[in-house]
Amino acid sequence: MYTDHLYVPLTGAAPGQSLHVERTGYGGAPVVLLHGFGTSTFLWRQVAPRLAEQGATVLAMDLLGFGESVSPGERGTSPADQAAHVELALLALRAAPGMVVGVGLGALVALLLALRAPDRVQRLLLVDPLDPDDLPGPAVRQLQRSTVTAALSSHSLFGARPLLEPFLARAMPEGQALTDLVLARHLAPFVGPDGAGRLLQLASGITLDETSRVALEGLRTEVLLWCSARPGGASEDRAAAGRRHSGDAEDGSPVERIARWRALLPGCRLVPVVAGTPAGELVPELAPAALASAIEAWMP
């Protein structure tokens, strides 16, 4: 399945400042794919062709500052800012109304996009969205706390690798690891002397202002929620942060996260996720067939 690589200029941006979009398939209803923190459109390489084969026009986007979308410069990178950038790209591409799928941070961006442009977003699939009561989330806070250690590391010349590699490892099921080739591809956008600084800048922007939070309670877009048990380690982080969260239930079902999202989005429906299904930022990497099936079943 052939993929077009498009670079959509952002309105009012400096020369060359653009959002990278991978378009796979033509003619069908659009499905917009938004990756999570620390990843890029590369995350969707096993999902996009499956959706295109079902007739969809797939638009996988690199959020600003990630992947092949240029360094943000003075532009904002909060979820609300990212939603505005994605809306501009959809306008430039003249994309018809369709479905938006977001993972982790991308799920939050997808929600705010639906608030900004409800006429462009028919349905949402939120895959392991960040906890709205615990932003930026345990894994990102761990990454931020690792900054001093990373600066002293012998690998510091490799940009954000000392920060991002452990972050991605935390998203893997116990006993599994990304291959060296796949890991290198995920790390590639942040290689170089400014890689760690840019990653930390992006991490600091993961917030949800109270106005947006209140507005989400009135969201009318159809929402499907995919929540599976995350890898271990979050409970230790919550204790260190002094937060009163008991975390996921002992049986591995993300009961409390689901409850918090259902309180915020009362009309959302749940994907029946099979126990043991991978969770977190790498779901499209680890369970592409299951995720593609859920998307296909939910497409308008």
C-alpha atoms as a PDB file:
ATOM      1  CA  MET A   1       0.000   0.000   0.000  1.00  0.00           C
ATOM      2  CA  TYR A   2       1.601   3.254  -1.155  1.00  0.00           C
ATOM      3  CA  THR A   3       1.919   6.127   1.332  1.00  0.00           C
ATOM      4  CA  ASP A   4       2.238   9.810   0.392  1.00  0.00           C
ATOM      5  CA  HIS A   5       4.384  12.008   2.631  1.00  0.00           C
ATOM      6  CA  LEU A   6       2.890  15.493   2.814  1.00  0.00           C
ATOM      7  CA  TYR A   7       4.252  18.590   4.556  1.00  0.00           C
ATOM      8  CA  VAL A   8       1.459  21.024   5.361  1.00  0.00           C
ATOM      9  CA  PRO A   9       2.615  24.612   6.116  1.00  0.00           C
ATOM     10  CA  LEU A  10       1.164  26.095   9.277  1.00  0.00           C
ATOM     11  CA  THR A  11      -0.554  29.460   8.841  1.00  0.00           C
ATOM     12  CA  GLY A  12       1.731  32.317   9.829  1.00  0.00           C
ATOM     13  CA  ALA A  13       4.672  29.965  10.375  1.00  0.00           C
ATOM     14  CA  ALA A  14       8.289  30.659   9.546  1.00  0.00           C
ATOM     15  CA  PRO A  15       9.430  29.374   6.129  1.00  0.00           C
ATOM     16  CA  GLY A  16       9.648  25.603   6.144  1.00  0.00           C
ATOM     17  CA  GLN A  17       7.590  25.158   9.322  1.00  0.00           C
ATOM     18  CA  SER A  18       5.048  22.451   8.599  1.00  0.00           C
ATOM     19  CA  LEU A  19       3.144  19.439   9.881  1.00  0.00           C
ATOM     20  CA  HIS A  20       4.131  16.053   8.455  1.00  0.00           C
ATOM     21  CA  VAL A  21       1.211  13.897   7.292  1.00  0.00           C
ATOM     22  CA  GLU A  22       1.311  10.360   5.880  1.00  0.00           C
ATOM     23  CA  ARG A  23      -1.662   9.662   3.605  1.00  0.00           C
ATOM     24  CA  THR A  24      -2.479   6.039   2.836  1.00  0.00           C
ATOM     25  CA  GLY A  25      -5.451   5.117   0.659  1.00  0.00           C
ATOM     26  CA  TYR A  26      -7.709   7.361  -1.409  1.00  0.00           C
ATOM     27  CA  GLY A  27     -11.365   8.132  -1.826  1.00  0.00           C
ATOM     28  CA  GLY A  28     -12.806   6.718   1.370  1.00  0.00           C
ATOM     29  CA  ALA A  29     -13.898   8.442   4.555  1.00  0.00           C
ATOM     30  CA  PRO A  30     -10.868   9.888   6.373  1.00  0.00           C
ATOM     31  CA  VAL A  31      -9.441   8.303   9.497  1.00  0.00           C
ATOM     32  CA  VAL A  32      -6.989  10.608  11.282  1.00  0.00           C
ATOM     33  CA  LEU A  33      -4.350   8.873  13.435  1.00  0.00           C
ATOM     34  CA  LEU A  34      -2.589  10.784  16.229  1.00  0.00           C
ATOM     35  CA  HIS A  35       0.372   9.207  18.031  1.00  0.00           C
ATOM     36  CA  GLY A  36       1.293   9.607  21.696  1.00  0.00           C
ATOM     37  CA  PHE A  37       4.188  11.198  23.529  1.00  0.00           C
ATOM     38  CA  GLY A  38       7.670  10.229  22.340  1.00  0.00           C
ATOM     39  CA  THR A  39       6.490   8.496  19.158  1.00  0.00           C
ATOM     40  CA  SER A  40       5.500   9.551  15.627  1.00  0.00           C
ATOM     41  CA  THR A  41       3.634   8.421  12.500  1.00  0.00           C
ATOM     42  CA  PHE A  42       6.021   5.445  12.449  1.00  0.00           C
ATOM     43  CA  LEU A  43       3.835   4.024  15.218  1.00  0.00           C
ATOM     44  CA  TRP A  44       0.965   3.501  12.741  1.00  0.00           C
ATOM     45  CA  ARG A  45       2.878   1.634  10.024  1.00  0.00           C
ATOM     46  CA  GLN A  46       1.041  -1.658  10.713  1.00  0.00           C
ATOM     47  CA  VAL A  47      -2.391  -0.094  11.253  1.00  0.00           C
ATOM     48  CA  ALA A  48      -2.715   2.417   8.389  1.00  0.00           C
ATOM     49  CA  PRO A  49      -2.439  -0.146   5.527  1.00  0.00           C
ATOM     50  CA  ARG A  50      -5.080  -2.351   7.150  1.00  0.00           C
ATOM     51  CA  LEU A  51      -7.523   0.572   7.303  1.00  0.00           C
ATOM     52  CA  ALA A  52      -6.723   1.665   3.741  1.00  0.00           C
ATOM     53  CA  GLU A  53      -7.462  -1.856   2.513  1.00  0.00           C
ATOM     54  CA  GLN A  54     -10.944  -1.416   4.012  1.00  0.00           C
ATOM     55  CA  GLY A  55     -11.483   1.704   1.895  1.00  0.00           C
ATOM     56  CA  ALA A  56     -10.468   4.464   4.320  1.00  0.00           C
ATOM     57  CA  THR A  57      -8.268   7.447   3.505  1.00  0.00           C
ATOM     58  CA  VAL A  58      -5.808   7.324   6.390  1.00  0.00           C
ATOM     59  CA  LEU A  59      -4.116  10.526   7.553  1.00  0.00           C
ATOM     60  CA  ALA A  60      -1.421   9.803  10.148  1.00  0.00           C
ATOM     61  CA  MET A  61       0.034  13.038  11.520  1.00  0.00           C
ATOM     62  CA  ASP A  62       3.219  13.931  13.379  1.00  0.00           C
ATOM     63  CA  LEU A  63       2.235  16.323  16.152  1.00  0.00           C
ATOM     64  CA  LEU A  64       4.310  19.502  16.154  1.00  0.00           C
ATOM     65  CA  GLY A  65       7.787  18.819  17.550  1.00  0.00           C
ATOM     66  CA  PHE A  66       7.538  15.053  16.977  1.00  0.00           C
ATOM     67  CA  GLY A  67       8.635  12.888  14.073  1.00  0.00           C
ATOM     68  CA  GLU A  68       9.166  14.859  10.887  1.00  0.00           C
ATOM     69  CA  SER A  69       7.095  17.863  11.952  1.00  0.00           C
ATOM     70  CA  VAL A  70       9.550  20.667  12.499  1.00  0.00           C
ATOM     71  CA  SER A  71      10.791  21.865  15.867  1.00  0.00           C
ATOM     72  CA  PRO A  72       8.010  24.024  17.342  1.00  0.00           C
ATOM     73  CA  GLY A  73      10.090  27.166  17.868  1.00  0.00           C
ATOM     74  CA  GLU A  74       7.769  29.739  19.444  1.00  0.00           C
ATOM     75  CA  ARG A  75       4.605  27.791  18.687  1.00  0.00           C
ATOM     76  CA  GLY A  76       2.724  26.175  21.554  1.00  0.00           C
ATOM     77  CA  THR A  77       2.719  22.408  22.018  1.00  0.00           C
ATOM     78  CA  SER A  78       0.025  21.937  24.661  1.00  0.00           C
ATOM     79  CA  PRO A  79      -2.750  19.486  23.692  1.00  0.00           C
ATOM     80  CA  ALA A  80      -4.957  22.481  22.870  1.00  0.00           C
ATOM     81  CA  ASP A  81      -2.230  23.980  20.662  1.00  0.00           C
ATOM     82  CA  GLN A  82      -1.664  20.634  18.943  1.00  0.00           C
ATOM     83  CA  ALA A  83      -5.397  20.360  18.247  1.00  0.00           C
ATOM     84  CA  ALA A  84      -5.287  23.768  16.554  1.00  0.00           C
ATOM     85  CA  HIS A  85      -2.330  22.668  14.400  1.00  0.00           C
ATOM     86  CA  VAL A  86      -4.128  19.464  13.376  1.00  0.00           C
ATOM     87  CA  GLU A  87      -7.252  21.445  12.485  1.00  0.00           C
ATOM     88  CA  LEU A  88      -5.188  23.718  10.222  1.00  0.00           C
ATOM     89  CA  ALA A  89      -3.688  20.689   8.506  1.00  0.00           C
ATOM     90  CA  LEU A  90      -7.116  19.136   7.914  1.00  0.00           C
ATOM     91  CA  LEU A  91      -8.359  22.415   6.445  1.00  0.00           C
ATOM     92  CA  ALA A  92      -5.342  22.630   4.149  1.00  0.00           C
ATOM     93  CA  LEU A  93      -5.866  19.043   3.009  1.00  0.00           C
ATOM     94  CA  ARG A  94      -9.603  19.680   2.495  1.00  0.00           C
ATOM     95  CA  ALA A  95     -10.317  16.545   4.471  1.00  0.00           C
ATOM     96  CA  ALA A  96     -13.951  15.524   4.724  1.00  0.00           C
ATOM     97  CA  PRO A  97     -15.517  14.850   8.149  1.00  0.00           C
ATOM     98  CA  GLY A  98     -14.341  11.539   9.539  1.00  0.00           C
ATOM     99  CA  MET A  99     -13.023   9.587  12.483  1.00  0.00           C
ATOM    100  CA  VAL A 100     -10.078  10.518  14.693  1.00  0.00           C
ATOM    101  CA  VAL A 101      -8.024   7.972  16.642  1.00  0.00           C
ATOM    102  CA  GLY A 102      -5.566   9.099  19.301  1.00  0.00           C
ATOM    103  CA  VAL A 103      -3.184   7.246  21.600  1.00  0.00           C
ATOM    104  CA  GLY A 104      -2.106   8.629  24.987  1.00  0.00           C
ATOM    105  CA  LEU A 105      -1.305  12.297  24.419  1.00  0.00           C
ATOM    106  CA  GLY A 106      -2.827  11.980  20.933  1.00  0.00           C
ATOM    107  CA  ALA A 107      -6.144  10.968  22.504  1.00  0.00           C
ATOM    108  CA  LEU A 108      -6.237  14.217  24.466  1.00  0.00           C
ATOM    109  CA  VAL A 109      -5.423  16.152  21.283  1.00  0.00           C
ATOM    110  CA  ALA A 110      -8.215  14.297  19.472  1.00  0.00           C
ATOM    111  CA  LEU A 111     -10.743  15.298  22.138  1.00  0.00           C
ATOM    112  CA  LEU A 112      -9.765  18.946  21.960  1.00  0.00           C
ATOM    113  CA  LEU A 113      -9.890  18.800  18.158  1.00  0.00           C
ATOM    114  CA  ALA A 114     -13.485  17.591  18.419  1.00  0.00           C
ATOM    115  CA  LEU A 115     -14.245  20.590  20.652  1.00  0.00           C
ATOM    116  CA  ARG A 116     -12.649  22.998  18.167  1.00  0.00           C
ATOM    117  CA  ALA A 117     -14.078  21.471  14.996  1.00  0.00           C
ATOM    118  CA  PRO A 118     -17.109  19.287  15.800  1.00  0.00           C
ATOM    119  CA  ASP A 119     -18.202  19.416  12.157  1.00  0.00           C
ATOM    120  CA  ARG A 120     -14.960  17.663  11.114  1.00  0.00           C
ATOM    121  CA  VAL A 121     -14.927  14.910  13.762  1.00  0.00           C
ATOM    122  CA  GLN A 122     -17.730  12.369  13.487  1.00  0.00           C
ATOM    123  CA  ARG A 123     -16.351   9.828  15.942  1.00  0.00           C
ATOM    124  CA  LEU A 124     -13.425   9.451  18.326  1.00  0.00           C
ATOM    125  CA  LEU A 125     -11.492   6.391  19.440  1.00  0.00           C
ATOM    126  CA  LEU A 126      -9.350   7.162  22.482  1.00  0.00           C
ATOM    127  CA  VAL A 127      -6.670   4.526  23.070  1.00  0.00           C
ATOM    128  CA  ASP A 128      -5.307   4.503  26.626  1.00  0.00           C
ATOM    129  CA  PRO A 129      -5.763   8.280  26.996  1.00  0.00           C
ATOM    130  CA  LEU A 130      -3.696  10.037  29.643  1.00  0.00           C
ATOM    131  CA  ASP A 131      -5.433  10.255  33.004  1.00  0.00           C
ATOM    132  CA  PRO A 132      -7.174  13.669  33.048  1.00  0.00           C
ATOM    133  CA  ASP A 133      -6.617  13.894  36.814  1.00  0.00           C
ATOM    134  CA  ASP A 134      -2.931  12.980  36.664  1.00  0.00           C
ATOM    135  CA  LEU A 135      -1.257  14.892  33.841  1.00  0.00           C
ATOM    136  CA  PRO A 136       1.337  14.573  32.404  1.00  0.00           C
ATOM    137  CA  GLY A 137       1.230  11.017  33.744  1.00  0.00           C
ATOM    138  CA  PRO A 138       3.606   8.762  35.697  1.00  0.00           C
ATOM    139  CA  ALA A 139       5.799   7.782  32.738  1.00  0.00           C
ATOM    140  CA  VAL A 140       6.368  11.381  31.615  1.00  0.00           C
ATOM    141  CA  ARG A 141       7.105  12.520  35.183  1.00  0.00           C
ATOM    142  CA  GLN A 142       9.656   9.715  35.470  1.00  0.00           C
ATOM    143  CA  LEU A 143      11.236  10.938  32.237  1.00  0.00           C
ATOM    144  CA  GLN A 144      11.398  14.490  33.596  1.00  0.00           C
ATOM    145  CA  ARG A 145      12.997  13.311  36.847  1.00  0.00           C
ATOM    146  CA  SER A 146      15.655  11.425  34.889  1.00  0.00           C
ATOM    147  CA  THR A 147      17.054  14.609  33.342  1.00  0.00           C
ATOM    148  CA  VAL A 148      20.056  15.023  35.673  1.00  0.00           C
ATOM    149  CA  THR A 149      21.064  11.384  35.357  1.00  0.00           C
ATOM    150  CA  ALA A 150      20.745  11.557  31.572  1.00  0.00           C
ATOM    151  CA  ALA A 151      22.922  14.677  31.427  1.00  0.00           C
ATOM    152  CA  LEU A 152      25.711  12.760  33.154  1.00  0.00           C
ATOM    153  CA  SER A 153      25.244   9.669  31.011  1.00  0.00           C
ATOM    154  CA  SER A 154      27.842   8.575  28.495  1.00  0.00           C
ATOM    155  CA  HIS A 155      24.977   8.386  25.988  1.00  0.00           C
ATOM    156  CA  SER A 156      24.100  12.083  26.304  1.00  0.00           C
ATOM    157  CA  LEU A 157      25.637  12.731  22.887  1.00  0.00           C
ATOM    158  CA  PHE A 158      22.789  10.681  21.435  1.00  0.00           C
ATOM    159  CA  GLY A 159      20.207  13.333  22.237  1.00  0.00           C
ATOM    160  CA  ALA A 160      17.173  12.134  24.134  1.00  0.00           C
ATOM    161  CA  ARG A 161      18.041   8.439  24.127  1.00  0.00           C
ATOM    162  CA  PRO A 162      18.789   8.208  27.895  1.00  0.00           C
ATOM    163  CA  LEU A 163      15.337   9.721  28.530  1.00  0.00           C
ATOM    164  CA  LEU A 164      13.220   8.215  25.786  1.00  0.00           C
ATOM    165  CA  GLU A 165      14.523   4.643  25.753  1.00  0.00           C
ATOM    166  CA  PRO A 166      13.408   3.939  29.375  1.00  0.00           C
ATOM    167  CA  PHE A 167      10.097   5.707  28.629  1.00  0.00           C
ATOM    168  CA  LEU A 168       9.395   3.351  25.718  1.00  0.00           C
ATOM    169  CA  ALA A 169      10.581   0.360  27.753  1.00  0.00           C
ATOM    170  CA  ARG A 170       7.973   1.173  30.426  1.00  0.00           C
ATOM    171  CA  ALA A 171       5.269   0.848  27.746  1.00  0.00           C
ATOM    172  CA  MET A 172       6.328  -2.707  26.883  1.00  0.00           C
ATOM    173  CA  PRO A 173       4.747  -5.811  28.457  1.00  0.00           C
ATOM    174  CA  GLU A 174       6.924  -7.556  31.022  1.00  0.00           C
ATOM    175  CA  GLY A 175       9.585  -9.708  29.388  1.00  0.00           C
ATOM    176  CA  GLN A 176       9.298  -8.020  25.980  1.00  0.00           C
ATOM    177  CA  ALA A 177      11.472  -5.386  24.328  1.00  0.00           C
ATOM    178  CA  LEU A 178      11.500  -3.458  21.069  1.00  0.00           C
ATOM    179  CA  THR A 179      14.004  -4.694  18.513  1.00  0.00           C
ATOM    180  CA  ASP A 180      17.093  -2.526  18.109  1.00  0.00           C
ATOM    181  CA  LEU A 181      15.940  -1.434  14.637  1.00  0.00           C
ATOM    182  CA  VAL A 182      12.446  -0.408  15.773  1.00  0.00           C
ATOM    183  CA  LEU A 183      13.811   1.320  18.863  1.00  0.00           C
ATOM    184  CA  ALA A 184      16.308   3.264  16.746  1.00  0.00           C
ATOM    185  CA  ARG A 185      13.496   4.441  14.450  1.00  0.00           C
ATOM    186  CA  HIS A 186      11.460   5.712  17.409  1.00  0.00           C
ATOM    187  CA  LEU A 187      14.519   7.484  18.816  1.00  0.00           C
ATOM    188  CA  ALA A 188      15.647   8.998  15.497  1.00  0.00           C
ATOM    189  CA  PRO A 189      13.634  12.262  15.633  1.00  0.00           C
ATOM    190  CA  PHE A 190      15.313  13.173  18.932  1.00  0.00           C
ATOM    191  CA  VAL A 191      18.919  12.367  18.045  1.00  0.00           C
ATOM    192  CA  GLY A 192      21.274  15.348  18.261  1.00  0.00           C
ATOM    193  CA  PRO A 193      22.394  17.909  20.820  1.00  0.00           C
ATOM    194  CA  ASP A 194      18.941  19.529  21.097  1.00  0.00           C
ATOM    195  CA  GLY A 195      16.997  16.259  21.272  1.00  0.00           C
ATOM    196  CA  ALA A 196      16.705  16.008  25.058  1.00  0.00           C
ATOM    197  CA  GLY A 197      15.822  19.682  25.441  1.00  0.00           C
ATOM    198  CA  ARG A 198      13.084  19.443  22.821  1.00  0.00           C
ATOM    199  CA  LEU A 199      11.642  16.291  24.397  1.00  0.00           C
ATOM    200  CA  LEU A 200      11.510  17.970  27.810  1.00  0.00           C
ATOM    201  CA  GLN A 201       9.921  21.067  26.267  1.00  0.00           C
ATOM    202  CA  LEU A 202       7.204  18.877  24.767  1.00  0.00           C
ATOM    203  CA  ALA A 203       6.714  17.070  28.081  1.00  0.00           C
ATOM    204  CA  SER A 204       6.237  20.342  29.958  1.00  0.00           C
ATOM    205  CA  GLY A 205       3.376  21.278  27.621  1.00  0.00           C
ATOM    206  CA  ILE A 206       1.127  18.332  28.555  1.00  0.00           C
ATOM    207  CA  THR A 207      -1.583  20.186  30.444  1.00  0.00           C
ATOM    208  CA  LEU A 208      -5.350  20.547  30.344  1.00  0.00           C
ATOM    209  CA  ASP A 209      -6.694  23.953  31.327  1.00  0.00           C
ATOM    210  CA  GLU A 210      -9.873  24.159  33.346  1.00  0.00           C
ATOM    211  CA  THR A 211     -11.806  25.824  30.520  1.00  0.00           C
ATOM    212  CA  SER A 212     -11.117  22.892  28.182  1.00  0.00           C
ATOM    213  CA  ARG A 213     -11.915  20.388  30.904  1.00  0.00           C
ATOM    214  CA  VAL A 214     -15.299  21.955  31.581  1.00  0.00           C
ATOM    215  CA  ALA A 215     -15.992  22.152  27.837  1.00  0.00           C
ATOM    216  CA  LEU A 216     -15.288  18.418  27.446  1.00  0.00           C
ATOM    217  CA  GLU A 217     -18.265  17.679  29.685  1.00  0.00           C
ATOM    218  CA  GLY A 218     -20.480  19.077  26.926  1.00  0.00           C
ATOM    219  CA  LEU A 219     -18.831  17.174  24.063  1.00  0.00           C
ATOM    220  CA  ARG A 220     -21.447  15.711  21.722  1.00  0.00           C
ATOM    221  CA  THR A 221     -19.136  13.676  19.459  1.00  0.00           C
ATOM    222  CA  GLU A 222     -19.472   9.902  19.714  1.00  0.00           C
ATOM    223  CA  VAL A 223     -16.552   8.540  21.759  1.00  0.00           C
ATOM    224  CA  LEU A 224     -15.206   5.007  22.024  1.00  0.00           C
ATOM    225  CA  LEU A 225     -12.769   4.361  24.875  1.00  0.00           C
ATOM    226  CA  TRP A 226     -10.022   1.719  24.790  1.00  0.00           C
ATOM    227  CA  CYS A 227      -8.431   1.242  28.229  1.00  0.00           C
ATOM    228  CA  SER A 228      -6.230  -1.718  29.065  1.00  0.00           C
ATOM    229  CA  ALA A 229      -3.987  -2.447  32.040  1.00  0.00           C
ATOM    230  CA  ARG A 230      -0.758  -0.497  31.865  1.00  0.00           C
ATOM    231  CA  PRO A 231       2.688  -1.918  32.637  1.00  0.00           C
ATOM    232  CA  GLY A 232       3.800  -1.721  36.284  1.00  0.00           C
ATOM    233  CA  GLY A 233       5.494   1.212  37.905  1.00  0.00           C
ATOM    234  CA  ALA A 234       2.732   3.798  37.978  1.00  0.00           C
ATOM    235  CA  SER A 235       1.782   3.124  41.605  1.00  0.00           C
ATOM    236  CA  GLU A 236       5.306   3.953  42.812  1.00  0.00           C
ATOM    237  CA  ASP A 237       5.209   7.201  40.885  1.00  0.00           C
ATOM    238  CA  ARG A 238       1.862   8.194  42.349  1.00  0.00           C
ATOM    239  CA  ALA A 239       3.148   7.589  45.858  1.00  0.00           C
ATOM    240  CA  ALA A 240       6.198   9.747  45.192  1.00  0.00           C
ATOM    241  CA  ALA A 241       4.009  12.494  43.787  1.00  0.00           C
ATOM    242  CA  GLY A 242       1.774  12.398  46.855  1.00  0.00           C
ATOM    243  CA  ARG A 243      -1.371  11.723  44.873  1.00  0.00           C
ATOM    244  CA  ARG A 244      -4.271   9.764  46.259  1.00  0.00           C
ATOM    245  CA  HIS A 245      -4.748   7.239  43.463  1.00  0.00           C
ATOM    246  CA  SER A 246      -5.028   3.534  44.095  1.00  0.00           C
ATOM    247  CA  GLY A 247      -4.364   2.900  40.413  1.00  0.00           C
ATOM    248  CA  ASP A 248      -5.608   0.024  38.307  1.00  0.00           C
ATOM    249  CA  ALA A 249      -7.424  -2.797  40.021  1.00  0.00           C
ATOM    250  CA  GLU A 250      -5.389  -5.796  41.143  1.00  0.00           C
ATOM    251  CA  ASP A 251      -6.849  -7.977  38.417  1.00  0.00           C
ATOM    252  CA  GLY A 252      -5.261  -5.705  35.793  1.00  0.00           C
ATOM    253  CA  SER A 253      -8.441  -3.968  34.610  1.00  0.00           C
ATOM    254  CA  PRO A 254      -8.080  -0.169  34.554  1.00  0.00           C
ATOM    255  CA  VAL A 255     -11.211   0.389  36.617  1.00  0.00           C
ATOM    256  CA  GLU A 256     -10.387   3.796  38.067  1.00  0.00           C
ATOM    257  CA  ARG A 257      -9.073   5.309  34.830  1.00  0.00           C
ATOM    258  CA  ILE A 258     -12.235   4.220  33.059  1.00  0.00           C
ATOM    259  CA  ALA A 259     -14.360   5.702  35.857  1.00  0.00           C
ATOM    260  CA  ARG A 260     -12.588   9.059  35.626  1.00  0.00           C
ATOM    261  CA  TRP A 261     -13.008   9.233  31.851  1.00  0.00           C
ATOM    262  CA  ARG A 262     -16.659   8.182  32.038  1.00  0.00           C
ATOM    263  CA  ALA A 263     -17.255  10.916  34.595  1.00  0.00           C
ATOM    264  CA  LEU A 264     -15.738  13.436  32.185  1.00  0.00           C
ATOM    265  CA  LEU A 265     -17.381  11.925  29.070  1.00  0.00           C
ATOM    266  CA  PRO A 266     -20.654  10.394  30.303  1.00  0.00           C
ATOM    267  CA  GLY A 267     -21.745   9.230  26.855  1.00  0.00           C
ATOM    268  CA  CYS A 268     -18.581   7.337  25.928  1.00  0.00           C
ATOM    269  CA  ARG A 269     -18.675   3.632  25.078  1.00  0.00           C
ATOM    270  CA  LEU A 270     -16.038   1.031  25.893  1.00  0.00           C
ATOM    271  CA  VAL A 271     -14.065  -1.262  23.617  1.00  0.00           C
ATOM    272  CA  PRO A 272     -14.148  -4.773  25.144  1.00  0.00           C
ATOM    273  CA  VAL A 273     -10.361  -5.092  25.501  1.00  0.00           C
ATOM    274  CA  VAL A 274      -9.130  -8.650  26.073  1.00  0.00           C
ATOM    275  CA  ALA A 275      -7.155  -9.138  29.295  1.00  0.00           C
ATOM    276  CA  GLY A 276      -3.427  -9.056  28.618  1.00  0.00           C
ATOM    277  CA  THR A 277      -3.738  -6.722  25.629  1.00  0.00           C
ATOM    278  CA  PRO A 278      -0.765  -4.320  25.592  1.00  0.00           C
ATOM    279  CA  ALA A 279      -1.429  -0.845  26.959  1.00  0.00           C
ATOM    280  CA  GLY A 280       0.011   2.629  26.762  1.00  0.00           C
ATOM    281  CA  GLU A 281       1.718   4.651  24.044  1.00  0.00           C
ATOM    282  CA  LEU A 282       2.728   1.582  21.986  1.00  0.00           C
ATOM    283  CA  VAL A 283      -0.634  -0.156  21.459  1.00  0.00           C
ATOM    284  CA  PRO A 284      -0.493   0.342  17.645  1.00  0.00           C
ATOM    285  CA  GLU A 285       3.017  -1.147  17.711  1.00  0.00           C
ATOM    286  CA  LEU A 286       2.113  -4.169  19.853  1.00  0.00           C
ATOM    287  CA  ALA A 287      -1.499  -4.946  18.912  1.00  0.00           C
ATOM    288  CA  PRO A 288      -2.033  -3.559  15.383  1.00  0.00           C
ATOM    289  CA  ALA A 289      -4.552  -6.175  14.233  1.00  0.00           C
ATOM    290  CA  ALA A 290      -6.768  -5.808  17.315  1.00  0.00           C
ATOM    291  CA  LEU A 291      -6.649  -2.015  17.124  1.00  0.00           C
ATOM    292  CA  ALA A 292      -7.325  -1.941  13.374  1.00  0.00           C
ATOM    293  CA  SER A 293     -10.344  -4.202  13.902  1.00  0.00           C
ATOM    294  CA  ALA A 294     -11.719  -1.879  16.583  1.00  0.00           C
ATOM    295  CA  ILE A 295     -11.249   1.128  14.286  1.00  0.00           C
ATOM    296  CA  GLU A 296     -12.882  -0.624  11.323  1.00  0.00           C
ATOM    297  CA  ALA A 297     -15.892  -1.576  13.423  1.00  0.00           C
ATOM    298  CA  TRP A 298     -16.286   2.035  14.642  1.00  0.00           C
ATOM    299  CA  MET A 299     -15.764   3.839  11.331  1.00  0.00           C
ATOM    300  CA  PRO A 300     -18.829   5.882  10.271  1.00  0.00           C
END
